[in-house]
């Protein structure tokens, strides 16, 4: 893992941990945030820290997380 990948992973982790309203979020919103975080890290790893891969992975992960959390309850 190079420096760019590590920085992207840390940025995604900080962004998801900065959700101060986590307790007020629905299960669907929480799933979307988690999916975006996991997707962003996966995209960064796959593209060796590429910005487009990180952002694309976060977007795809967020959509998948949203759909997974659609039928979940708090």
PDB file of N, CA and C in Angstrom:
ATOM      1  N   UNK A   1       0.856  -1.169   0.000  1.00  0.00           N
ATOM      2  CA  UNK A   1       0.000   0.000   0.000  1.00  0.00           C
ATOM      3  C   UNK A   1       0.904   1.235   0.000  1.00  0.00           C
ATOM      4  N   UNK A   2       0.670   2.115  -0.952  1.00  0.00           N
ATOM      5  CA  UNK A   2       1.497   3.306  -1.024  1.00  0.00           C
ATOM      6  C   UNK A   2       0.868   4.453  -0.228  1.00  0.00           C
ATOM      7  N   UNK A   3       1.515   5.566  -0.220  1.00  0.00           N
ATOM      8  CA  UNK A   3       1.073   6.718   0.561  1.00  0.00           C
ATOM      9  C   UNK A   3      -0.288   7.234   0.097  1.00  0.00           C
ATOM     10  N   UNK A   4      -0.508   7.308  -1.212  1.00  0.00           N
ATOM     11  CA  UNK A   4      -1.790   7.833  -1.728  1.00  0.00           C
ATOM     12  C   UNK A   4      -2.960   6.959  -1.286  1.00  0.00           C
ATOM     13  N   UNK A   5      -2.783   5.658  -1.332  1.00  0.00           N
ATOM     14  CA  UNK A   5      -3.838   4.752  -0.914  1.00  0.00           C
ATOM     15  C   UNK A   5      -4.117   4.914   0.576  1.00  0.00           C
ATOM     16  N   UNK A   6      -3.073   5.025   1.348  1.00  0.00           N
ATOM     17  CA  UNK A   6      -3.235   5.218   2.792  1.00  0.00           C
ATOM     18  C   UNK A   6      -3.936   6.519   3.111  1.00  0.00           C
ATOM     19  N   UNK A   7      -3.585   7.582   2.403  1.00  0.00           N
ATOM     20  CA  UNK A   7      -4.229   8.877   2.636  1.00  0.00           C
ATOM     21  C   UNK A   7      -5.704   8.816   2.266  1.00  0.00           C
ATOM     22  N   UNK A   8      -6.017   8.169   1.147  1.00  0.00           N
ATOM     23  CA  UNK A   8      -7.426   8.024   0.744  1.00  0.00           C
ATOM     24  C   UNK A   8      -8.210   7.220   1.768  1.00  0.00           C
ATOM     25  N   UNK A   9      -7.622   6.149   2.265  1.00  0.00           N
ATOM     26  CA  UNK A   9      -8.298   5.319   3.259  1.00  0.00           C
ATOM     27  C   UNK A   9      -8.538   6.102   4.547  1.00  0.00           C
ATOM     28  N   UNK A  10      -7.565   6.877   4.962  1.00  0.00           N
ATOM     29  CA  UNK A  10      -7.727   7.690   6.172  1.00  0.00           C
ATOM     30  C   UNK A  10      -8.781   8.768   5.965  1.00  0.00           C
ATOM     31  N   UNK A  11      -8.787   9.386   4.784  1.00  0.00           N
ATOM     32  CA  UNK A  11      -9.783  10.421   4.500  1.00  0.00           C
ATOM     33  C   UNK A  11     -11.197   9.854   4.530  1.00  0.00           C
ATOM     34  N   UNK A  12     -11.376   8.679   3.970  1.00  0.00           N
ATOM     35  CA  UNK A  12     -12.704   8.051   3.988  1.00  0.00           C
ATOM     36  C   UNK A  12     -13.100   7.692   5.415  1.00  0.00           C
ATOM     37  N   UNK A  13     -12.157   7.171   6.184  1.00  0.00           N
ATOM     38  CA  UNK A  13     -12.451   6.818   7.574  1.00  0.00           C
ATOM     39  C   UNK A  13     -12.828   8.050   8.389  1.00  0.00           C
ATOM     40  N   UNK A  14     -12.112   9.147   8.184  1.00  0.00           N
ATOM     41  CA  UNK A  14     -12.440  10.374   8.902  1.00  0.00           C
ATOM     42  C   UNK A  14     -13.794  10.943   8.472  1.00  0.00           C
ATOM     43  N   UNK A  15     -14.077  10.847   7.189  1.00  0.00           N
ATOM     44  CA  UNK A  15     -15.354  11.365   6.694  1.00  0.00           C
ATOM     45  C   UNK A  15     -16.523  10.594   7.282  1.00  0.00           C
ATOM     46  N   UNK A  16     -16.392   9.282   7.373  1.00  0.00           N
ATOM     47  CA  UNK A  16     -17.494   8.492   7.937  1.00  0.00           C
ATOM     48  C   UNK A  16     -17.581   8.643   9.447  1.00  0.00           C
ATOM     49  N   UNK A  17     -16.454   8.870  10.109  1.00  0.00           N
ATOM     50  CA  UNK A  17     -16.499   9.038  11.565  1.00  0.00           C
ATOM     51  C   UNK A  17     -16.990  10.430  11.954  1.00  0.00           C
ATOM     52  N   UNK A  18     -17.022  11.335  11.012  1.00  0.00           N
ATOM     53  CA  UNK A  18     -17.464  12.697  11.301  1.00  0.00           C
ATOM     54  C   UNK A  18     -18.977  12.841  11.283  1.00  0.00           C
ATOM     55  N   UNK A  19     -19.680  11.764  11.110  1.00  0.00           N
ATOM     56  CA  UNK A  19     -21.149  11.811  11.092  1.00  0.00           C
ATOM     57  C   UNK A  19     -21.663  12.010  12.511  1.00  0.00           C
ATOM     58  N   UNK A  20     -21.807  13.256  12.923  1.00  0.00           N
ATOM     59  CA  UNK A  20     -22.230  13.571  14.281  1.00  0.00           C
ATOM     60  C   UNK A  20     -23.673  13.186  14.540  1.00  0.00           C
ATOM     61  N   UNK A  21     -24.442  13.044  13.493  1.00  0.00           N
ATOM     62  CA  UNK A  21     -25.854  12.713  13.658  1.00  0.00           C
ATOM     63  C   UNK A  21     -26.115  11.233  13.419  1.00  0.00           C
ATOM     64  N   UNK A  22     -25.132  10.398  13.666  1.00  0.00           N
ATOM     65  CA  UNK A  22     -25.255   8.964  13.408  1.00  0.00           C
ATOM     66  C   UNK A  22     -26.474   8.373  14.120  1.00  0.00           C
ATOM     67  N   UNK A  23     -26.721   8.783  15.357  1.00  0.00           N
ATOM     68  CA  UNK A  23     -27.843   8.226  16.118  1.00  0.00           C
ATOM     69  C   UNK A  23     -29.189   8.605  15.518  1.00  0.00           C
ATOM     70  N   UNK A  24     -29.252   9.733  14.844  1.00  0.00           N
ATOM     71  CA  UNK A  24     -30.500  10.172  14.251  1.00  0.00           C
ATOM     72  C   UNK A  24     -30.732   9.656  12.836  1.00  0.00           C
ATOM     73  N   UNK A  25     -29.787   8.890  12.311  1.00  0.00           N
ATOM     74  CA  UNK A  25     -29.907   8.394  10.942  1.00  0.00           C
ATOM     75  C   UNK A  25     -30.754   7.124  10.899  1.00  0.00           C
ATOM     76  N   UNK A  26     -31.432   6.946   9.784  1.00  0.00           N
ATOM     77  CA  UNK A  26     -32.180   5.706   9.573  1.00  0.00           C
ATOM     78  C   UNK A  26     -31.208   4.587   9.218  1.00  0.00           C
ATOM     79  N   UNK A  27     -31.693   3.372   9.260  1.00  0.00           N
ATOM     80  CA  UNK A  27     -30.849   2.227   8.901  1.00  0.00           C
ATOM     81  C   UNK A  27     -30.399   2.330   7.449  1.00  0.00           C
ATOM     82  N   UNK A  28     -31.253   2.859   6.603  1.00  0.00           N
ATOM     83  CA  UNK A  28     -30.909   3.012   5.187  1.00  0.00           C
ATOM     84  C   UNK A  28     -29.773   4.019   5.011  1.00  0.00           C
ATOM     85  N   UNK A  29     -29.840   5.121   5.740  1.00  0.00           N
ATOM     86  CA  UNK A  29     -28.783   6.138   5.657  1.00  0.00           C
ATOM     87  C   UNK A  29     -27.469   5.604   6.205  1.00  0.00           C
ATOM     88  N   UNK A  30     -27.539   4.865   7.313  1.00  0.00           N
ATOM     89  CA  UNK A  30     -26.326   4.286   7.877  1.00  0.00           C
ATOM     90  C   UNK A  30     -25.693   3.300   6.905  1.00  0.00           C
ATOM     91  N   UNK A  31     -26.514   2.478   6.277  1.00  0.00           N
ATOM     92  CA  UNK A  31     -26.002   1.518   5.302  1.00  0.00           C
ATOM     93  C   UNK A  31     -25.349   2.222   4.125  1.00  0.00           C
ATOM     94  N   UNK A  32     -25.926   3.336   3.688  1.00  0.00           N
ATOM     95  CA  UNK A  32     -25.350   4.089   2.573  1.00  0.00           C
ATOM     96  C   UNK A  32     -23.991   4.674   2.952  1.00  0.00           C
ATOM     97  N   UNK A  33     -23.872   5.190   4.167  1.00  0.00           N
ATOM     98  CA  UNK A  33     -22.598   5.762   4.619  1.00  0.00           C
ATOM     99  C   UNK A  33     -21.533   4.678   4.721  1.00  0.00           C
ATOM    100  N   UNK A  34     -21.896   3.548   5.303  1.00  0.00           N
ATOM    101  CA  UNK A  34     -20.941   2.450   5.433  1.00  0.00           C
ATOM    102  C   UNK A  34     -20.540   1.934   4.051  1.00  0.00           C
ATOM    103  N   UNK A  35     -21.512   1.793   3.167  1.00  0.00           N
ATOM    104  CA  UNK A  35     -21.216   1.336   1.805  1.00  0.00           C
ATOM    105  C   UNK A  35     -20.300   2.288   1.070  1.00  0.00           C
ATOM    106  N   UNK A  36     -20.516   3.583   1.252  1.00  0.00           N
ATOM    107  CA  UNK A  36     -19.649   4.573   0.607  1.00  0.00           C
ATOM    108  C   UNK A  36     -18.228   4.486   1.147  1.00  0.00           C
ATOM    109  N   UNK A  37     -18.098   4.290   2.441  1.00  0.00           N
ATOM    110  CA  UNK A  37     -16.766   4.162   3.034  1.00  0.00           C
ATOM    111  C   UNK A  37     -16.026   2.938   2.539  1.00  0.00           C
ATOM    112  N   UNK A  38     -16.714   1.812   2.558  1.00  0.00           N
ATOM    113  CA  UNK A  38     -16.094   0.566   2.094  1.00  0.00           C
ATOM    114  C   UNK A  38     -15.789   0.642   0.596  1.00  0.00           C
ATOM    115  N   UNK A  39     -16.720   1.193  -0.172  1.00  0.00           N
ATOM    116  CA  UNK A  39     -16.509   1.326  -1.610  1.00  0.00           C
ATOM    117  C   UNK A  39     -15.360   2.258  -1.939  1.00  0.00           C
ATOM    118  N   UNK A  40     -15.236   3.339  -1.192  1.00  0.00           N
ATOM    119  CA  UNK A  40     -14.134   4.271  -1.421  1.00  0.00           C
ATOM    120  C   UNK A  40     -12.778   3.641  -1.138  1.00  0.00           C
ATOM    121  N   UNK A  41     -12.704   2.898  -0.051  1.00  0.00           N
ATOM    122  CA  UNK A  41     -11.444   2.214   0.273  1.00  0.00           C
ATOM    123  C   UNK A  41     -11.135   1.146  -0.775  1.00  0.00           C
ATOM    124  N   UNK A  42     -12.159   0.382  -1.153  1.00  0.00           N
ATOM    125  CA  UNK A  42     -11.942  -0.654  -2.173  1.00  0.00           C
ATOM    126  C   UNK A  42     -11.516  -0.036  -3.506  1.00  0.00           C
ATOM    127  N   UNK A  43     -12.161   1.063  -3.896  1.00  0.00           N
ATOM    128  CA  UNK A  43     -11.787   1.735  -5.133  1.00  0.00           C
ATOM    129  C   UNK A  43     -10.369   2.268  -5.096  1.00  0.00           C
ATOM    130  N   UNK A  44      -9.961   2.779  -3.946  1.00  0.00           N
ATOM    131  CA  UNK A  44      -8.595   3.284  -3.803  1.00  0.00           C
ATOM    132  C   UNK A  44      -7.578   2.158  -3.900  1.00  0.00           C
ATOM    133  N   UNK A  45      -7.908   1.036  -3.293  1.00  0.00           N
ATOM    134  CA  UNK A  45      -6.974  -0.096  -3.331  1.00  0.00           C
ATOM    135  C   UNK A  45      -6.877  -0.662  -4.745  1.00  0.00           C
ATOM    136  N   UNK A  46      -8.010  -0.812  -5.398  1.00  0.00           N
ATOM    137  CA  UNK A  46      -8.021  -1.404  -6.742  1.00  0.00           C
ATOM    138  C   UNK A  46      -7.281  -0.528  -7.749  1.00  0.00           C
ATOM    139  N   UNK A  47      -7.465   0.801  -7.648  1.00  0.00           N
ATOM    140  CA  UNK A  47      -6.839   1.706  -8.620  1.00  0.00           C
ATOM    141  C   UNK A  47      -5.515   2.273  -8.122  1.00  0.00           C
ATOM    142  N   UNK A  48      -4.978   1.692  -7.061  1.00  0.00           N
ATOM    143  CA  UNK A  48      -3.701   2.123  -6.491  1.00  0.00           C
ATOM    144  C   UNK A  48      -3.733   3.600  -6.093  1.00  0.00           C
ATOM    145  N   UNK A  49      -4.814   3.999  -5.444  1.00  0.00           N
ATOM    146  CA  UNK A  49      -4.927   5.361  -4.933  1.00  0.00           C
ATOM    147  C   UNK A  49      -5.450   6.370  -5.924  1.00  0.00           C
ATOM    148  N   UNK A  50      -5.981   5.924  -7.036  1.00  0.00           N
ATOM    149  CA  UNK A  50      -6.518   6.847  -8.039  1.00  0.00           C
ATOM    150  C   UNK A  50      -7.766   7.559  -7.532  1.00  0.00           C
ATOM    151  N   UNK A  51      -7.839   8.840  -7.808  1.00  0.00           N
ATOM    152  CA  UNK A  51      -8.961   9.644  -7.330  1.00  0.00           C
ATOM    153  C   UNK A  51     -10.270   9.174  -7.946  1.00  0.00           C
ATOM    154  N   UNK A  52     -10.259   8.929  -9.236  1.00  0.00           N
ATOM    155  CA  UNK A  52     -11.477   8.489  -9.910  1.00  0.00           C
ATOM    156  C   UNK A  52     -11.953   7.149  -9.363  1.00  0.00           C
ATOM    157  N   UNK A  53     -11.052   6.243  -9.109  1.00  0.00           N
ATOM    158  CA  UNK A  53     -11.415   4.946  -8.540  1.00  0.00           C
ATOM    159  C   UNK A  53     -11.970   5.075  -7.142  1.00  0.00           C
ATOM    160  N   UNK A  54     -11.395   5.975  -6.345  1.00  0.00           N
ATOM    161  CA  UNK A  54     -11.863   6.186  -4.979  1.00  0.00           C
ATOM    162  C   UNK A  54     -13.260   6.782  -4.968  1.00  0.00           C
ATOM    163  N   UNK A  55     -13.450   7.825  -5.758  1.00  0.00           N
ATOM    164  CA  UNK A  55     -14.756   8.483  -5.815  1.00  0.00           C
ATOM    165  C   UNK A  55     -15.801   7.556  -6.434  1.00  0.00           C
ATOM    166  N   UNK A  56     -15.417   6.868  -7.496  1.00  0.00           N
ATOM    167  CA  UNK A  56     -16.339   5.932  -8.131  1.00  0.00           C
ATOM    168  C   UNK A  56     -16.724   4.801  -7.197  1.00  0.00           C
ATOM    169  N   UNK A  57     -15.746   4.272  -6.472  1.00  0.00           N
ATOM    170  CA  UNK A  57     -16.019   3.209  -5.506  1.00  0.00           C
ATOM    171  C   UNK A  57     -16.939   3.678  -4.395  1.00  0.00           C
ATOM    172  N   UNK A  58     -16.722   4.911  -3.935  1.00  0.00           N
ATOM    173  CA  UNK A  58     -17.589   5.463  -2.886  1.00  0.00           C
ATOM    174  C   UNK A  58     -19.013   5.642  -3.398  1.00  0.00           C
ATOM    175  N   UNK A  59     -19.152   6.117  -4.626  1.00  0.00           N
ATOM    176  CA  UNK A  59     -20.488   6.314  -5.192  1.00  0.00           C
ATOM    177  C   UNK A  59     -21.217   4.983  -5.366  1.00  0.00           C
ATOM    178  N   UNK A  60     -20.524   4.017  -5.928  1.00  0.00           N
ATOM    179  CA  UNK A  60     -21.140   2.705  -6.137  1.00  0.00           C
ATOM    180  C   UNK A  60     -21.449   2.037  -4.794  1.00  0.00           C
ATOM    181  N   UNK A  61     -20.520   2.125  -3.861  1.00  0.00           N
ATOM    182  CA  UNK A  61     -20.744   1.549  -2.529  1.00  0.00           C
ATOM    183  C   UNK A  61     -21.900   2.207  -1.807  1.00  0.00           C
ATOM    184  N   UNK A  62     -22.046   3.517  -1.971  1.00  0.00           N
ATOM    185  CA  UNK A  62     -23.164   4.221  -1.346  1.00  0.00           C
ATOM    186  C   UNK A  62     -24.499   3.773  -1.893  1.00  0.00           C
ATOM    187  N   UNK A  63     -24.564   3.585  -3.196  1.00  0.00           N
ATOM    188  CA  UNK A  63     -25.807   3.114  -3.825  1.00  0.00           C
ATOM    189  C   UNK A  63     -26.135   1.695  -3.361  1.00  0.00           C
ATOM    190  N   UNK A  64     -25.125   0.836  -3.337  1.00  0.00           N
ATOM    191  CA  UNK A  64     -25.349  -0.541  -2.895  1.00  0.00           C
ATOM    192  C   UNK A  64     -25.774  -0.561  -1.427  1.00  0.00           C
ATOM    193  N   UNK A  65     -25.101   0.215  -0.592  1.00  0.00           N
ATOM    194  CA  UNK A  65     -25.472   0.285   0.824  1.00  0.00           C
ATOM    195  C   UNK A  65     -26.877   0.808   1.016  1.00  0.00           C
ATOM    196  N   UNK A  66     -27.258   1.786   0.222  1.00  0.00           N
ATOM    197  CA  UNK A  66     -28.613   2.332   0.295  1.00  0.00           C
ATOM    198  C   UNK A  66     -29.646   1.259  -0.021  1.00  0.00           C
ATOM    199  N   UNK A  67     -29.390   0.469  -1.035  1.00  0.00           N
ATOM    200  CA  UNK A  67     -30.335  -0.573  -1.429  1.00  0.00           C
ATOM    201  C   UNK A  67     -30.372  -1.713  -0.408  1.00  0.00           C
ATOM    202  N   UNK A  68     -29.222  -2.036   0.172  1.00  0.00           N
ATOM    203  CA  UNK A  68     -29.189  -3.084   1.192  1.00  0.00           C
ATOM    204  C   UNK A  68     -29.957  -2.639   2.435  1.00  0.00           C
ATOM    205  N   UNK A  69     -29.784  -1.377   2.812  1.00  0.00           N
ATOM    206  CA  UNK A  69     -30.444  -0.867   4.018  1.00  0.00           C
ATOM    207  C   UNK A  69     -31.892  -0.506   3.823  1.00  0.00           C
ATOM    208  N   UNK A  70     -32.405  -0.615   2.619  1.00  0.00           N
ATOM    209  CA  UNK A  70     -33.782  -0.206   2.310  1.00  0.00           C
ATOM    210  C   UNK A  70     -34.806  -0.964   3.162  1.00  0.00           C
ATOM    211  N   UNK A  71     -34.587  -2.225   3.379  1.00  0.00           N
ATOM    212  CA  UNK A  71     -35.560  -3.040   4.093  1.00  0.00           C
ATOM    213  C   UNK A  71     -35.184  -3.298   5.544  1.00  0.00           C
ATOM    214  N   UNK A  72     -34.127  -2.663   6.019  1.00  0.00           N
ATOM    215  CA  UNK A  72     -33.703  -2.837   7.402  1.00  0.00           C
ATOM    216  C   UNK A  72     -34.422  -1.862   8.316  1.00  0.00           C
ATOM    217  N   UNK A  73     -34.546  -2.264   9.527  1.00  0.00           N
ATOM    218  CA  UNK A  73     -35.085  -1.359  10.554  1.00  0.00           C
ATOM    219  C   UNK A  73     -33.926  -0.889  11.414  1.00  0.00           C
ATOM    220  N   UNK A  74     -34.136   0.163  12.177  1.00  0.00           N
ATOM    221  CA  UNK A  74     -33.103   0.685  13.058  1.00  0.00           C
ATOM    222  C   UNK A  74     -32.626  -0.398  13.913  1.00  0.00           C
TER     223      UNK A  74
END
